[in-house]
Protein backbone atom coordinates (compact mmCIF):
# COMPACT_ATOMS: atom_id res chain seq x y z
CA MET A 1 0.15 0.16 0.19
CA TYR A 2 3.05 2.33 0.89
CA SER A 3 4.39 1.67 -2.19
CA ARG A 4 1.46 1.95 -4.25
CA CYS A 5 0.95 5.59 -2.93
CA ILE A 6 4.83 6.81 -3.59
CA LEU A 7 4.05 5.42 -7.07
CA LEU A 8 0.64 7.57 -7.28
CA ILE A 9 2.75 10.50 -5.99
CA LEU A 10 5.56 10.09 -8.78
CA LEU A 11 2.83 9.94 -11.35
CA PHE A 12 1.59 13.15 -10.43
CA LEU A 13 4.39 14.99 -9.92
CA SER A 14 5.67 13.67 -13.57
CA THR A 15 2.10 14.73 -15.03
CA SER A 16 2.37 18.28 -13.43
CA ALA A 17 6.05 18.85 -14.27
CA SER A 18 5.54 18.32 -18.04
CA ALA A 19 2.06 20.47 -18.05
CA TRP A 20 2.65 24.33 -18.94
CA THR A 21 0.07 26.90 -19.48
CA VAL A 22 -0.54 29.69 -21.92
CA THR A 23 -2.22 32.91 -20.53
CA VAL A 24 -4.06 35.44 -22.79
CA LEU A 25 -4.75 39.02 -21.71
CA ASP A 26 -6.35 41.59 -23.59
CA GLN A 27 -4.65 45.20 -23.49
CA ASP A 28 -6.33 46.27 -20.09
CA GLY A 29 -4.77 43.14 -18.49
CA GLN A 30 -8.04 41.11 -18.27
CA PRO A 31 -8.65 37.50 -19.55
CA ALA A 32 -9.23 37.31 -23.40
CA GLN A 33 -12.23 35.35 -23.10
CA ASP A 34 -13.12 33.39 -26.50
CA ALA A 35 -9.41 33.42 -27.37
CA ILE A 36 -7.99 30.20 -28.95
CA VAL A 37 -4.34 29.14 -28.42
CA HIS A 38 -2.99 26.88 -31.20
CA ILE A 39 0.46 25.12 -30.71
CA SER A 40 2.08 23.05 -33.79
CA GLY A 41 5.55 21.53 -34.30
CA GLU A 42 7.24 18.49 -34.81
CA GLY A 43 5.47 15.42 -33.50
CA ILE A 44 2.49 17.47 -32.16
CA ARG A 45 -0.98 15.92 -33.32
CA SER A 46 -4.14 15.53 -32.24
CA SER A 47 -7.55 14.31 -33.69
CA ASN A 48 -10.95 14.04 -32.21
CA THR A 49 -13.79 11.88 -33.68
CA GLU A 50 -16.43 13.03 -31.12
CA ILE A 51 -19.40 15.13 -32.28
CA ALA A 52 -18.75 18.66 -31.11
CA ILE A 53 -21.98 20.66 -29.65
CA MET A 54 -22.81 23.94 -30.60
CA ASP A 55 -25.94 24.75 -28.84
CA GLN A 56 -28.50 28.04 -28.77
CA ILE A 57 -29.46 29.09 -25.34
CA ASN A 58 -31.06 32.32 -24.73
CA ARG A 59 -30.84 33.13 -27.95
CA GLN A 60 -27.09 32.95 -28.40
CA TYR A 61 -24.89 30.36 -29.72
CA ASN A 62 -23.01 28.45 -26.75
CA PRO A 63 -20.39 28.05 -26.74
CA HIS A 64 -19.74 31.52 -28.36
CA VAL A 65 -16.59 30.37 -29.54
CA LEU A 66 -15.74 26.50 -30.60
CA ALA A 67 -12.58 25.32 -31.89
CA ILE A 68 -12.66 21.75 -33.59
CA HIS A 69 -10.37 19.47 -35.76
CA LYS A 70 -10.80 19.42 -39.54
CA HIS A 71 -13.38 16.51 -40.59
CA GLN A 72 -15.01 16.97 -37.27
CA LYS A 73 -18.76 16.75 -37.21
CA VAL A 74 -20.83 19.41 -35.10
CA SER A 75 -24.43 19.21 -33.62
CA PHE A 76 -26.79 22.26 -33.31
CA PRO A 77 -29.27 21.17 -30.89
CA ASN A 78 -31.81 24.34 -30.15
CA SER A 79 -32.16 24.44 -26.31
CA ASP A 80 -34.56 27.39 -26.44
CA ASN A 81 -38.45 27.58 -26.65
CA VAL A 82 -38.55 29.49 -30.00
CA ARG A 83 -37.30 28.45 -33.39
CA HIS A 84 -33.96 29.12 -34.92
CA HIS A 85 -32.44 29.35 -38.49
CA VAL A 86 -28.49 28.68 -38.58
CA TYR A 87 -26.69 29.52 -41.21
CA SER A 88 -23.25 30.62 -42.61
CA PHE A 89 -21.84 32.26 -45.47
CA SER A 90 -18.23 31.63 -44.71
CA LYS A 91 -16.14 30.13 -47.59
CA THR A 92 -14.72 27.40 -45.06
CA LYS A 93 -18.23 26.21 -44.56
CA PRO A 94 -21.40 27.73 -46.12
CA PHE A 95 -24.42 26.00 -44.78
CA GLU A 96 -27.79 26.50 -43.62
CA MET A 97 -30.38 24.51 -41.41
CA LYS A 98 -33.66 25.99 -41.70
CA LEU A 99 -36.18 26.95 -39.00
CA TYR A 100 -36.22 24.42 -36.45
CA ALA A 101 -36.71 23.40 -32.66
CA GLY A 102 -34.85 20.59 -30.57
CA THR A 103 -32.06 18.83 -32.15
CA PRO A 104 -31.27 18.06 -36.09
CA ASN A 105 -30.86 14.29 -36.89
CA ALA A 106 -27.78 14.74 -38.75
CA PRO A 107 -24.40 16.86 -37.49
CA VAL A 108 -22.63 18.94 -40.04
CA THR A 109 -19.09 17.84 -41.22
CA PHE A 110 -16.30 20.57 -41.33
CA GLU A 111 -14.04 19.43 -44.01
CA ASN A 112 -11.65 22.73 -44.61
CA GLU A 113 -9.57 24.77 -42.27
CA GLY A 114 -10.64 28.19 -41.40
CA VAL A 115 -13.19 30.50 -39.55
CA VAL A 116 -16.78 29.82 -39.78
CA VAL A 117 -18.98 32.62 -38.72
CA LEU A 118 -22.69 31.51 -37.67
CA GLY A 119 -25.60 33.68 -37.63
CA CYS A 120 -29.49 33.25 -37.27
CA ASN A 121 -31.91 34.27 -39.84
CA ILE A 122 -34.42 35.01 -37.26
CA HIS A 123 -32.36 36.89 -34.40
CA ASP A 124 -29.88 38.94 -35.63
CA ALA A 125 -28.16 39.32 -32.47
CA MET A 126 -27.02 35.64 -32.78
CA LEU A 127 -23.45 35.38 -33.57
CA GLY A 128 -21.23 32.20 -33.23
CA TYR A 129 -17.60 31.25 -34.45
CA ILE A 130 -16.34 27.88 -35.23
CA VAL A 131 -12.65 27.72 -35.86
CA VAL A 132 -11.28 24.17 -37.73
CA TYR A 133 -7.74 23.19 -37.37
CA GLY A 134 -5.95 20.74 -39.54
CA ASP A 135 -2.81 19.89 -37.36
CA GLY A 136 -1.25 20.54 -33.90
CA ARG A 137 -3.22 21.23 -30.61
CA PHE A 138 -5.73 23.82 -29.48
CA GLY A 139 -7.77 25.01 -26.75
CA VAL A 140 -10.09 27.83 -25.77
CA VAL A 141 -9.25 29.71 -22.83
CA ASP A 142 -11.13 29.08 -19.50
CA ASP A 143 -12.60 32.19 -17.43
CA ALA A 144 -8.97 32.96 -16.13
CA GLY A 145 -7.66 33.44 -19.77
CA LYS A 146 -5.63 30.10 -19.47
CA VAL A 147 -5.03 27.14 -21.55
CA VAL A 148 -3.03 24.19 -20.22
CA PHE A 149 -0.63 21.79 -22.69
CA SER A 150 1.07 18.68 -21.89
CA ASN A 151 3.37 18.50 -24.95
CA PRO A 152 6.93 19.16 -24.50
CA LYS A 153 7.72 22.63 -24.94
CA GLU A 154 10.97 21.93 -26.68
CA SER A 155 8.80 20.45 -29.71
CA VAL A 156 6.68 23.32 -30.16
CA THR A 157 7.88 25.78 -33.08
CA THR A 158 4.68 28.01 -33.69
CA LEU A 159 1.88 29.34 -31.23
CA ASN A 160 -1.10 31.48 -32.53
CA VAL A 161 -3.93 32.99 -30.89
CA TRP A 162 -7.04 33.96 -32.48
CA HIS A 163 -9.81 35.98 -31.03
CA PRO A 164 -12.74 36.96 -32.73
CA HIS A 165 -12.13 40.67 -32.03
CA LEU A 166 -8.38 41.08 -32.72
CA ALA A 167 -7.91 44.77 -33.47
CA ASP A 168 -5.46 43.81 -36.32
CA LYS A 169 -7.79 40.98 -37.91
CA THR A 170 -4.84 38.84 -37.82
CA LYS A 171 -3.64 35.89 -35.80
CA THR A 172 -0.81 36.40 -33.07
CA HIS A 173 2.25 34.61 -33.83
CA TYR A 174 5.24 33.30 -31.87
CA SER A 175 8.05 31.62 -33.10
CA GLY A 176 10.68 29.30 -31.92
CA HIS A 177 11.03 27.03 -28.71
CA LEU A 178 9.18 27.69 -25.73
CA SER A 179 11.31 25.61 -23.51
CA GLY A 180 12.02 26.81 -19.76
CA GLU A 181 8.95 28.79 -19.24
CA ASP A 182 5.92 27.06 -17.46
CA ASN A 183 3.90 29.86 -17.61
CA ILE A 184 3.64 32.11 -20.83
CA SER A 185 1.67 35.46 -20.95
CA VAL A 186 0.47 36.73 -24.50
CA THR A 187 -1.22 39.92 -24.73
CA ILE A 188 -3.78 40.79 -27.52
CA ASN A 189 -5.38 44.00 -28.57
CA ILE A 190 -8.98 43.52 -28.84
CA ASP A 191 -11.73 45.88 -30.40
CA HIS A 192 -14.45 45.28 -27.57
CA PRO A 193 -18.01 45.11 -29.22
CA PRO A 194 -20.72 47.25 -27.33
CA LYS A 195 -22.54 45.54 -24.59
CA LYS A 196 -25.91 44.02 -25.77
CA LYS A 197 -28.87 44.95 -23.81
CA PRO A 198 -30.23 41.70 -22.01
CA SER A 199 -33.60 40.27 -24.08
CA LYS A 200 -37.00 41.22 -22.26
CA LYS A 201 -39.05 38.64 -21.16
CA ASN A 202 -42.96 38.74 -20.47
CA LYS A 203 -45.02 38.20 -17.74
CA PHE A 204 -44.60 34.58 -18.31
CA GLY A 205 -41.13 34.46 -17.91
CA ARG A 206 -40.65 33.83 -21.47
CA PHE A 207 -38.43 35.99 -24.24
CA TYR A 208 -40.49 37.81 -26.56
CA LYS A 209 -40.32 36.74 -30.26
């Protein structure tokens, strides 16, 4: 039992030691929510055959930003009590899901790399993003603006940060090895969109159509 505890501690320490964090902040030093961090390099591979979820809750896409692999499928359930009409005119994946409620039978496959901007033909304020990657590893930052990677930093040759409201409309790009740093901080300039007024509800507690 004692030796087993030591083994578990050693495994924990080795796992923790290999993990490193990227923190993405905006120009005001605040967590840059909705940012995606992507790393690439020799031997850095990943894939995912699970169906990703882009839900619709309170007349908003949830999550607001979704990062997926090339050829991955995405399901678009509608959790609202009103129908939605999902569409995208993006070159990466133009598609349309006409007015519906509940969960469509067939998910959508995203065959190409790039950014897909989502809208709703019924609710103009609905906006979402799907970013499709063909290589490397990636993750959307958490509420603190952080993403944790376990790949050896020595193998990382590029690090990119994407955000839907980057001021220069391009990806932040870093080249070179990242060895020796367990916590990397990246600052990006964001054009913050104006805050939207909350949707009004009627006396029954439902959103107006």
